[in-house]
């Protein structure tokens, strides 16, 4: 999962032009750190729905992520500094 996130993180950086890349990547890094801190609390909340609750939520989020990645445009050989 960590490797998949690293690929998405790198790909997302290439979607933005150079002028706003640093700001957007800093924001995404901030959100990922906050999410890492909140994750134990989120797991406890969904565990109250049953022992499979966190796994179902994780599966749904993974499905949504894979669909959104599949629909992204290809940026190969594109000049992003326009």
N, C-alpha and C. Protein backbone atom coordinates (compact mmCIF):
# COMPACT_ATOMS: atom_id res chain seq x y z
N UNK A 1 0.82 -1.19 0.00
CA UNK A 1 0.00 0.00 0.00
C UNK A 1 0.87 1.25 0.00
N UNK A 2 1.96 1.18 0.72
CA UNK A 2 2.86 2.32 0.78
C UNK A 2 3.48 2.61 -0.59
N UNK A 3 3.84 1.56 -1.30
CA UNK A 3 4.42 1.75 -2.64
C UNK A 3 3.39 2.35 -3.60
N UNK A 4 2.15 1.91 -3.51
CA UNK A 4 1.10 2.47 -4.37
C UNK A 4 0.91 3.95 -4.07
N UNK A 5 0.96 4.31 -2.81
CA UNK A 5 0.81 5.71 -2.44
C UNK A 5 1.98 6.54 -2.96
N UNK A 6 3.18 5.99 -2.92
CA UNK A 6 4.35 6.73 -3.41
C UNK A 6 4.24 6.99 -4.91
N UNK A 7 3.71 6.03 -5.67
CA UNK A 7 3.52 6.23 -7.11
C UNK A 7 2.49 7.31 -7.36
N UNK A 8 1.38 7.27 -6.63
CA UNK A 8 0.33 8.28 -6.79
C UNK A 8 0.86 9.66 -6.40
N UNK A 9 1.65 9.72 -5.35
CA UNK A 9 2.22 10.98 -4.88
C UNK A 9 3.11 11.60 -5.96
N UNK A 10 3.94 10.79 -6.60
CA UNK A 10 4.82 11.28 -7.66
C UNK A 10 4.02 11.68 -8.89
N UNK A 11 3.04 10.90 -9.27
CA UNK A 11 2.23 11.21 -10.44
C UNK A 11 1.45 12.51 -10.23
N UNK A 12 0.92 12.70 -9.04
CA UNK A 12 0.17 13.92 -8.75
C UNK A 12 1.04 15.15 -8.88
N UNK A 13 2.29 15.05 -8.48
CA UNK A 13 3.21 16.18 -8.60
C UNK A 13 3.41 16.57 -10.05
N UNK A 14 3.37 15.62 -10.95
CA UNK A 14 3.58 15.91 -12.36
C UNK A 14 2.35 16.50 -13.04
N UNK A 15 1.22 16.50 -12.40
CA UNK A 15 0.02 17.07 -13.00
C UNK A 15 0.00 18.59 -12.93
N UNK A 16 0.74 19.15 -11.99
CA UNK A 16 0.73 20.60 -11.79
C UNK A 16 1.92 21.24 -12.48
N UNK A 17 1.75 22.48 -12.89
CA UNK A 17 2.90 23.18 -13.48
C UNK A 17 3.86 23.58 -12.37
N UNK A 18 5.02 24.05 -12.77
CA UNK A 18 6.10 24.29 -11.82
C UNK A 18 5.75 25.38 -10.81
N UNK A 19 4.96 26.35 -11.20
CA UNK A 19 4.68 27.48 -10.32
C UNK A 19 3.89 27.10 -9.08
N UNK A 20 3.01 26.14 -9.18
CA UNK A 20 2.19 25.78 -8.01
C UNK A 20 2.52 24.39 -7.46
N UNK A 21 3.50 23.73 -8.02
CA UNK A 21 3.83 22.37 -7.60
C UNK A 21 4.25 22.30 -6.13
N UNK A 22 5.08 23.22 -5.69
CA UNK A 22 5.58 23.17 -4.31
C UNK A 22 4.45 23.39 -3.31
N UNK A 23 3.59 24.35 -3.59
CA UNK A 23 2.47 24.61 -2.69
C UNK A 23 1.52 23.41 -2.62
N UNK A 24 1.19 22.85 -3.76
CA UNK A 24 0.25 21.72 -3.76
C UNK A 24 0.86 20.49 -3.11
N UNK A 25 2.12 20.20 -3.35
CA UNK A 25 2.74 19.03 -2.74
C UNK A 25 2.89 19.21 -1.23
N UNK A 26 3.16 20.43 -0.79
CA UNK A 26 3.22 20.70 0.64
C UNK A 26 1.86 20.49 1.30
N UNK A 27 0.80 20.92 0.62
CA UNK A 27 -0.55 20.73 1.14
C UNK A 27 -0.90 19.25 1.21
N UNK A 28 -0.58 18.49 0.15
CA UNK A 28 -0.86 17.05 0.15
C UNK A 28 -0.08 16.34 1.24
N UNK A 29 1.15 16.76 1.47
CA UNK A 29 1.96 16.16 2.52
C UNK A 29 1.33 16.44 3.89
N UNK A 30 0.87 17.65 4.09
CA UNK A 30 0.20 18.02 5.34
C UNK A 30 -1.04 17.16 5.58
N UNK A 31 -1.86 17.01 4.56
CA UNK A 31 -3.08 16.21 4.68
C UNK A 31 -2.73 14.75 4.97
N UNK A 32 -1.68 14.23 4.35
CA UNK A 32 -1.32 12.83 4.61
C UNK A 32 -0.83 12.64 6.04
N UNK A 33 -0.14 13.61 6.60
CA UNK A 33 0.32 13.50 7.99
C UNK A 33 -0.86 13.55 8.96
N UNK A 34 -1.82 14.44 8.70
CA UNK A 34 -3.02 14.53 9.54
C UNK A 34 -3.82 13.23 9.44
N UNK A 35 -3.91 12.67 8.26
CA UNK A 35 -4.63 11.41 8.08
C UNK A 35 -3.96 10.28 8.85
N UNK A 36 -2.64 10.26 8.86
CA UNK A 36 -1.92 9.23 9.61
C UNK A 36 -2.17 9.32 11.10
N UNK A 37 -2.31 10.53 11.60
CA UNK A 37 -2.60 10.72 13.02
C UNK A 37 -4.04 10.31 13.34
N UNK A 38 -4.97 10.62 12.44
CA UNK A 38 -6.38 10.34 12.69
C UNK A 38 -6.78 8.90 12.42
N UNK A 39 -5.96 8.15 11.71
CA UNK A 39 -6.36 6.80 11.30
C UNK A 39 -6.70 5.87 12.46
N UNK A 40 -5.97 5.84 13.57
CA UNK A 40 -6.39 4.95 14.66
C UNK A 40 -7.78 5.28 15.21
N UNK A 41 -8.11 6.56 15.24
CA UNK A 41 -9.45 6.94 15.69
C UNK A 41 -10.53 6.51 14.71
N UNK A 42 -10.23 6.64 13.43
CA UNK A 42 -11.19 6.25 12.40
C UNK A 42 -11.42 4.74 12.44
N UNK A 43 -10.36 3.97 12.63
CA UNK A 43 -10.49 2.52 12.70
C UNK A 43 -11.35 2.13 13.90
N UNK A 44 -11.16 2.79 15.03
CA UNK A 44 -11.99 2.49 16.21
C UNK A 44 -13.47 2.79 15.95
N UNK A 45 -13.75 3.87 15.25
CA UNK A 45 -15.14 4.22 14.95
C UNK A 45 -15.77 3.16 14.06
N UNK A 46 -15.07 2.75 13.00
CA UNK A 46 -15.64 1.76 12.08
C UNK A 46 -15.62 0.35 12.66
N UNK A 47 -14.77 0.10 13.63
CA UNK A 47 -14.76 -1.21 14.28
C UNK A 47 -16.01 -1.40 15.12
N UNK A 48 -16.65 -0.31 15.50
CA UNK A 48 -17.89 -0.43 16.27
C UNK A 48 -19.03 -1.01 15.41
N UNK A 49 -18.91 -0.98 14.08
CA UNK A 49 -19.90 -1.59 13.18
C UNK A 49 -19.69 -3.09 13.04
N UNK A 50 -18.60 -3.59 13.56
CA UNK A 50 -18.29 -5.01 13.48
C UNK A 50 -16.82 -5.19 13.18
N UNK A 51 -16.31 -6.42 13.32
CA UNK A 51 -14.88 -6.63 13.10
C UNK A 51 -14.44 -6.43 11.66
N UNK A 52 -15.36 -6.48 10.72
CA UNK A 52 -14.99 -6.27 9.32
C UNK A 52 -15.22 -4.83 8.87
N UNK A 53 -15.70 -3.97 9.74
CA UNK A 53 -15.99 -2.57 9.38
C UNK A 53 -14.81 -1.83 8.79
N UNK A 54 -13.64 -1.82 9.45
CA UNK A 54 -12.49 -1.11 8.88
C UNK A 54 -12.04 -1.66 7.53
N UNK A 55 -12.17 -2.98 7.35
CA UNK A 55 -11.76 -3.58 6.09
C UNK A 55 -12.69 -3.22 4.94
N UNK A 56 -13.97 -3.12 5.23
CA UNK A 56 -14.93 -2.72 4.20
C UNK A 56 -14.68 -1.27 3.79
N UNK A 57 -14.45 -0.39 4.75
CA UNK A 57 -14.17 1.01 4.43
C UNK A 57 -12.88 1.13 3.64
N UNK A 58 -11.84 0.39 4.05
CA UNK A 58 -10.58 0.41 3.33
C UNK A 58 -10.75 -0.09 1.90
N UNK A 59 -11.54 -1.14 1.72
CA UNK A 59 -11.80 -1.65 0.38
C UNK A 59 -12.54 -0.66 -0.49
N UNK A 60 -13.53 0.01 0.08
CA UNK A 60 -14.28 1.02 -0.69
C UNK A 60 -13.39 2.19 -1.09
N UNK A 61 -12.56 2.65 -0.16
CA UNK A 61 -11.64 3.75 -0.49
C UNK A 61 -10.62 3.34 -1.54
N UNK A 62 -10.15 2.10 -1.48
CA UNK A 62 -9.22 1.61 -2.49
C UNK A 62 -9.89 1.53 -3.86
N UNK A 63 -11.14 1.10 -3.90
CA UNK A 63 -11.88 1.04 -5.16
C UNK A 63 -12.08 2.43 -5.75
N UNK A 64 -12.46 3.39 -4.92
CA UNK A 64 -12.64 4.76 -5.40
C UNK A 64 -11.31 5.33 -5.91
N UNK A 65 -10.22 5.05 -5.21
CA UNK A 65 -8.91 5.54 -5.63
C UNK A 65 -8.49 4.94 -6.96
N UNK A 66 -8.73 3.64 -7.12
CA UNK A 66 -8.33 3.00 -8.37
C UNK A 66 -9.15 3.51 -9.55
N UNK A 67 -10.42 3.78 -9.34
CA UNK A 67 -11.24 4.33 -10.42
C UNK A 67 -10.79 5.74 -10.77
N UNK A 68 -10.46 6.55 -9.77
CA UNK A 68 -10.01 7.91 -10.07
C UNK A 68 -8.66 7.92 -10.76
N UNK A 69 -7.77 7.00 -10.42
CA UNK A 69 -6.48 6.92 -11.09
C UNK A 69 -6.65 6.45 -12.53
N UNK A 70 -7.55 5.52 -12.75
CA UNK A 70 -7.78 4.99 -14.09
C UNK A 70 -8.31 6.07 -15.02
N UNK A 71 -9.06 7.03 -14.50
CA UNK A 71 -9.66 8.07 -15.34
C UNK A 71 -8.76 9.29 -15.51
N UNK A 72 -7.58 9.33 -14.89
CA UNK A 72 -6.68 10.47 -15.05
C UNK A 72 -6.12 10.51 -16.46
N UNK A 73 -5.83 11.71 -16.92
CA UNK A 73 -5.28 11.85 -18.27
C UNK A 73 -3.78 11.51 -18.26
N UNK A 74 -3.30 11.09 -19.41
CA UNK A 74 -1.90 10.74 -19.56
C UNK A 74 -1.10 12.02 -19.84
N UNK A 75 -0.03 12.24 -19.10
CA UNK A 75 0.78 13.46 -19.25
C UNK A 75 2.13 13.16 -19.89
N UNK A 76 2.26 12.04 -20.58
CA UNK A 76 3.51 11.70 -21.23
C UNK A 76 3.81 12.70 -22.34
N UNK A 77 5.03 13.22 -22.37
CA UNK A 77 5.52 14.15 -23.39
C UNK A 77 4.68 15.44 -23.48
N UNK A 78 4.10 15.86 -22.38
CA UNK A 78 3.34 17.12 -22.35
C UNK A 78 4.15 18.17 -21.62
N UNK A 79 4.10 19.39 -22.12
CA UNK A 79 4.74 20.52 -21.45
C UNK A 79 3.77 21.08 -20.44
N UNK A 80 4.05 20.88 -19.16
CA UNK A 80 3.13 21.29 -18.10
C UNK A 80 3.37 22.71 -17.63
N UNK A 81 4.34 23.41 -18.18
CA UNK A 81 4.65 24.77 -17.75
C UNK A 81 3.91 25.82 -18.57
N UNK A 82 2.84 25.44 -19.25
CA UNK A 82 2.07 26.40 -20.05
C UNK A 82 1.33 27.36 -19.16
